[in-house]
Amino acid sequence: MERARPLVDRRRLLKGAALAAVPYALLPDARAGAEPQAVDFPAAEWQPATTYNYTVADRPTAHPVDHVIIHVTQETYAQTLAIFQNPQKKVSAHYLVRSADGHVAQCVREADIAWHAGNWDNNTRSIGIEHEGWVDRPAYFTDALYERSARLTAAICATYAIPKDRAHIIGHYEVPGTDHTDPGPNWDWARYIRLVNFA
């Protein structure tokens, strides 16, 4: 016994033909409705920290931004992102720089307060930049890491009129009350500040 073939719905056929005639560029993006991926530093990739690990703010209106704080993760790049995305860790930084190629991830908007310095006053007034690596393994401080981080810091300084000097670009170890030692004795401050000033 032969089955009856389903009749083609003329309206559906016409809609399909009309859709095929629409230029591809006019179709909605597959990510339409997703959270915007805008970043403060154009060369960065958006890799958001969980909202449990920073404070939403309106800087520099609510708090002036007058420092950049340099950190070293004591973890890999991937593990650091996982920590920032874990609500139980209660830590984040605005940016993370990868050792191998200097790739920059933005994890917290500059307008918001990242929890990176261990000192609330310093958190409210600073941008925190983490660098993949360990303080006692200088091989992690690659040319790419220094150069991309310096460009990032120079851009932050330009945005907030922060002087490009060691009084305003500090290590985590220089935050009052901290027990941290990063970026450690292998971080080349003279080179870094020179790169920031020439970026």
Protein backbone atom coordinates (compact mmCIF):
# COMPACT_ATOMS: atom_id res chain seq x y z
CA MET A 1 0.00 0.00 0.00
CA GLU A 2 1.42 3.33 -1.04
CA ARG A 3 1.54 6.13 1.53
CA ALA A 4 0.13 9.47 0.55
CA ARG A 5 2.86 12.04 0.11
CA PRO A 6 2.52 15.08 2.38
CA LEU A 7 1.52 18.15 0.48
CA VAL A 8 4.10 20.92 0.45
CA ASP A 9 2.80 23.95 2.30
CA ARG A 10 2.95 26.78 -0.25
CA ARG A 11 3.37 29.44 2.45
CA ARG A 12 6.33 27.58 4.00
CA LEU A 13 7.90 27.19 0.57
CA LEU A 14 7.58 30.92 -0.13
CA LYS A 15 9.03 31.85 3.27
CA GLY A 16 11.99 29.60 2.65
CA ALA A 17 12.62 31.11 -0.76
CA ALA A 18 12.39 34.63 0.66
CA LEU A 19 14.83 33.78 3.44
CA ALA A 20 17.27 32.33 0.93
CA ALA A 21 17.16 35.61 -0.96
CA VAL A 22 18.07 37.69 2.13
CA PRO A 23 21.76 38.59 2.19
CA TYR A 24 23.66 36.70 4.90
CA ALA A 25 24.93 39.92 6.47
CA LEU A 26 21.37 40.98 7.30
CA LEU A 27 20.60 37.87 9.31
CA PRO A 28 20.84 38.15 13.10
CA ASP A 29 24.11 37.10 14.68
CA ALA A 30 23.99 33.61 16.17
CA ARG A 31 25.07 35.21 19.47
CA ALA A 32 22.25 37.79 19.40
CA GLY A 33 20.98 38.30 22.93
CA ALA A 34 24.27 37.18 24.50
CA GLU A 35 26.10 39.49 26.91
CA PRO A 36 28.13 42.11 25.03
CA GLN A 37 31.81 41.36 24.82
CA ALA A 38 33.07 44.96 24.97
CA VAL A 39 36.35 45.40 26.83
CA ASP A 40 38.08 48.48 28.22
CA PHE A 41 41.40 47.59 26.57
CA PRO A 42 40.78 46.84 22.86
CA ALA A 43 43.47 44.13 22.65
CA ALA A 44 41.93 42.14 25.52
CA GLU A 45 39.59 39.18 25.43
CA TRP A 46 36.59 39.23 27.77
CA GLN A 47 36.88 36.39 30.33
CA PRO A 48 34.55 37.52 33.13
CA ALA A 49 35.09 36.78 36.78
CA THR A 50 32.00 35.68 38.68
CA THR A 51 30.04 38.62 40.07
CA TYR A 52 30.60 37.13 43.54
CA ASN A 53 34.30 38.05 43.32
CA TYR A 54 34.21 41.82 42.76
CA THR A 55 32.16 44.90 43.63
CA VAL A 56 30.06 46.67 41.02
CA ALA A 57 30.92 50.37 41.05
CA ASP A 58 31.00 53.49 38.94
CA ARG A 59 34.65 54.43 38.83
CA PRO A 60 36.18 56.93 38.43
CA THR A 61 33.01 58.81 39.44
CA ALA A 62 32.52 56.88 42.69
CA HIS A 63 36.24 56.38 43.42
CA PRO A 64 39.29 57.94 41.75
CA VAL A 65 41.64 55.51 40.01
CA ASP A 66 45.25 56.50 40.74
CA HIS A 67 47.32 53.30 40.84
CA VAL A 68 48.09 50.18 38.83
CA ILE A 69 49.01 47.16 40.94
CA ILE A 70 51.22 44.46 39.40
CA HIS A 71 50.68 40.85 40.50
CA VAL A 72 52.07 37.41 39.68
CA THR A 73 49.52 34.62 39.86
CA GLN A 74 51.46 31.70 41.36
CA GLU A 75 49.21 29.69 39.04
CA THR A 76 48.79 28.95 35.35
CA TYR A 77 46.74 31.25 33.13
CA ALA A 78 43.87 28.72 32.86
CA GLN A 79 43.84 28.01 36.59
CA THR A 80 43.77 31.73 37.39
CA LEU A 81 40.72 32.23 35.17
CA ALA A 82 39.06 29.29 36.95
CA ILE A 83 39.81 30.86 40.34
CA PHE A 84 38.30 34.19 39.26
CA GLN A 85 35.20 32.32 38.07
CA ASN A 86 34.81 30.37 41.33
CA PRO A 87 32.42 32.20 43.70
CA GLN A 88 34.03 30.59 46.75
CA LYS A 89 37.48 32.12 46.06
CA LYS A 90 36.50 35.79 46.66
CA VAL A 91 39.32 37.13 44.47
CA SER A 92 39.68 38.72 41.05
CA ALA A 93 41.76 41.17 39.05
CA HIS A 94 40.83 43.45 36.20
CA TYR A 95 43.31 41.83 33.81
CA LEU A 96 45.37 38.67 33.38
CA VAL A 97 48.40 38.46 31.06
CA ARG A 98 49.51 35.08 29.69
CA SER A 99 53.23 34.28 29.81
CA ALA A 100 53.80 32.53 26.47
CA ASP A 101 52.40 35.18 24.14
CA GLY A 102 51.32 38.15 26.26
CA HIS A 103 47.63 37.50 25.56
CA VAL A 104 45.46 39.76 27.75
CA ALA A 105 42.17 38.71 29.32
CA GLN A 106 39.90 41.25 30.98
CA CYS A 107 38.06 39.70 33.90
CA VAL A 108 36.51 42.73 35.64
CA ARG A 109 35.42 46.02 34.09
CA GLU A 110 37.64 48.95 35.03
CA ALA A 111 34.59 50.77 36.42
CA ASP A 112 34.15 47.97 38.97
CA ILE A 113 36.31 47.15 42.00
CA ALA A 114 38.30 43.93 41.63
CA TRP A 115 39.33 42.16 44.83
CA HIS A 116 43.05 41.87 44.18
CA ALA A 117 45.05 43.96 46.66
CA GLY A 118 43.84 42.60 49.99
CA ASN A 119 43.24 46.21 51.06
CA TRP A 120 39.85 47.81 50.42
CA ASP A 121 41.19 51.35 49.97
CA ASN A 122 43.75 50.18 47.43
CA ASN A 123 41.15 48.05 45.65
CA THR A 124 38.86 51.05 45.21
CA ARG A 125 41.65 53.24 43.75
CA SER A 126 43.52 50.79 41.52
CA ILE A 127 43.49 48.57 38.47
CA GLY A 128 44.93 45.12 39.17
CA ILE A 129 46.94 43.25 36.55
CA GLU A 130 47.82 39.60 37.19
CA HIS A 131 50.66 37.95 35.26
CA GLU A 132 50.86 34.21 34.72
CA GLY A 133 53.82 32.70 36.51
CA TRP A 134 55.64 32.22 39.77
CA VAL A 135 57.81 34.76 41.57
CA ASP A 136 60.75 32.34 41.71
CA ARG A 137 60.57 31.26 38.04
CA PRO A 138 61.83 34.18 35.92
CA ALA A 139 61.36 32.23 32.68
CA TYR A 140 57.65 33.09 32.95
CA PHE A 141 58.48 36.80 32.55
CA THR A 142 58.79 36.65 28.76
CA ASP A 143 59.37 39.53 26.37
CA ALA A 144 55.77 39.14 25.17
CA LEU A 145 54.43 39.31 28.72
CA TYR A 146 56.41 42.47 29.56
CA GLU A 147 55.57 44.21 26.28
CA ARG A 148 51.82 43.48 26.23
CA SER A 149 51.46 44.24 29.92
CA ALA A 150 53.34 47.53 29.50
CA ARG A 151 50.99 48.55 26.67
CA LEU A 152 48.03 47.72 28.89
CA THR A 153 49.43 49.71 31.81
CA ALA A 154 50.24 52.66 29.54
CA ALA A 155 46.65 52.67 28.27
CA ILE A 156 45.28 52.57 31.83
CA CYS A 157 47.59 55.43 32.85
CA ALA A 158 46.45 57.48 29.86
CA THR A 159 42.76 56.85 30.64
CA TYR A 160 43.00 57.93 34.29
CA ALA A 161 45.90 60.44 34.07
CA ILE A 162 48.06 58.22 36.27
CA PRO A 163 51.77 59.15 36.22
CA LYS A 164 53.86 56.39 34.61
CA ASP A 165 56.26 55.99 37.53
CA ARG A 166 57.03 53.63 40.40
CA ALA A 167 55.03 55.73 42.84
CA HIS A 168 51.85 54.94 40.90
CA ILE A 169 52.66 51.58 39.28
CA ILE A 170 53.36 49.36 42.25
CA GLY A 171 53.80 45.72 43.17
CA HIS A 172 51.35 43.81 45.30
CA TYR A 173 54.05 43.62 47.97
CA GLU A 174 53.87 47.42 48.30
CA VAL A 175 50.20 47.48 49.31
CA PRO A 176 49.90 48.44 53.00
CA GLY A 177 49.15 45.45 55.23
CA THR A 178 49.81 42.78 52.60
CA ASP A 179 51.66 39.53 53.22
CA HIS A 180 52.28 38.99 49.49
CA THR A 181 55.69 39.22 47.83
CA ASP A 182 54.65 39.44 44.18
CA PRO A 183 55.74 40.26 41.59
CA GLY A 184 58.94 39.21 43.39
CA PRO A 185 62.66 39.91 43.00
CA ASN A 186 62.83 38.59 39.43
CA TRP A 187 60.41 41.21 38.08
CA ASP A 188 62.45 43.78 36.13
CA TRP A 189 60.93 47.06 37.29
CA ALA A 190 63.37 49.29 35.38
CA ARG A 191 62.57 47.50 32.12
CA TYR A 192 58.85 47.50 32.81
CA ILE A 193 58.59 51.22 33.60
CA ARG A 194 60.69 52.02 30.53
CA LEU A 195 58.35 49.93 28.34
CA VAL A 196 55.29 51.62 29.88
CA ASN A 197 56.74 55.04 29.09
CA PHE A 198 57.58 54.13 25.50
CA ALA A 199 54.32 52.27 24.78
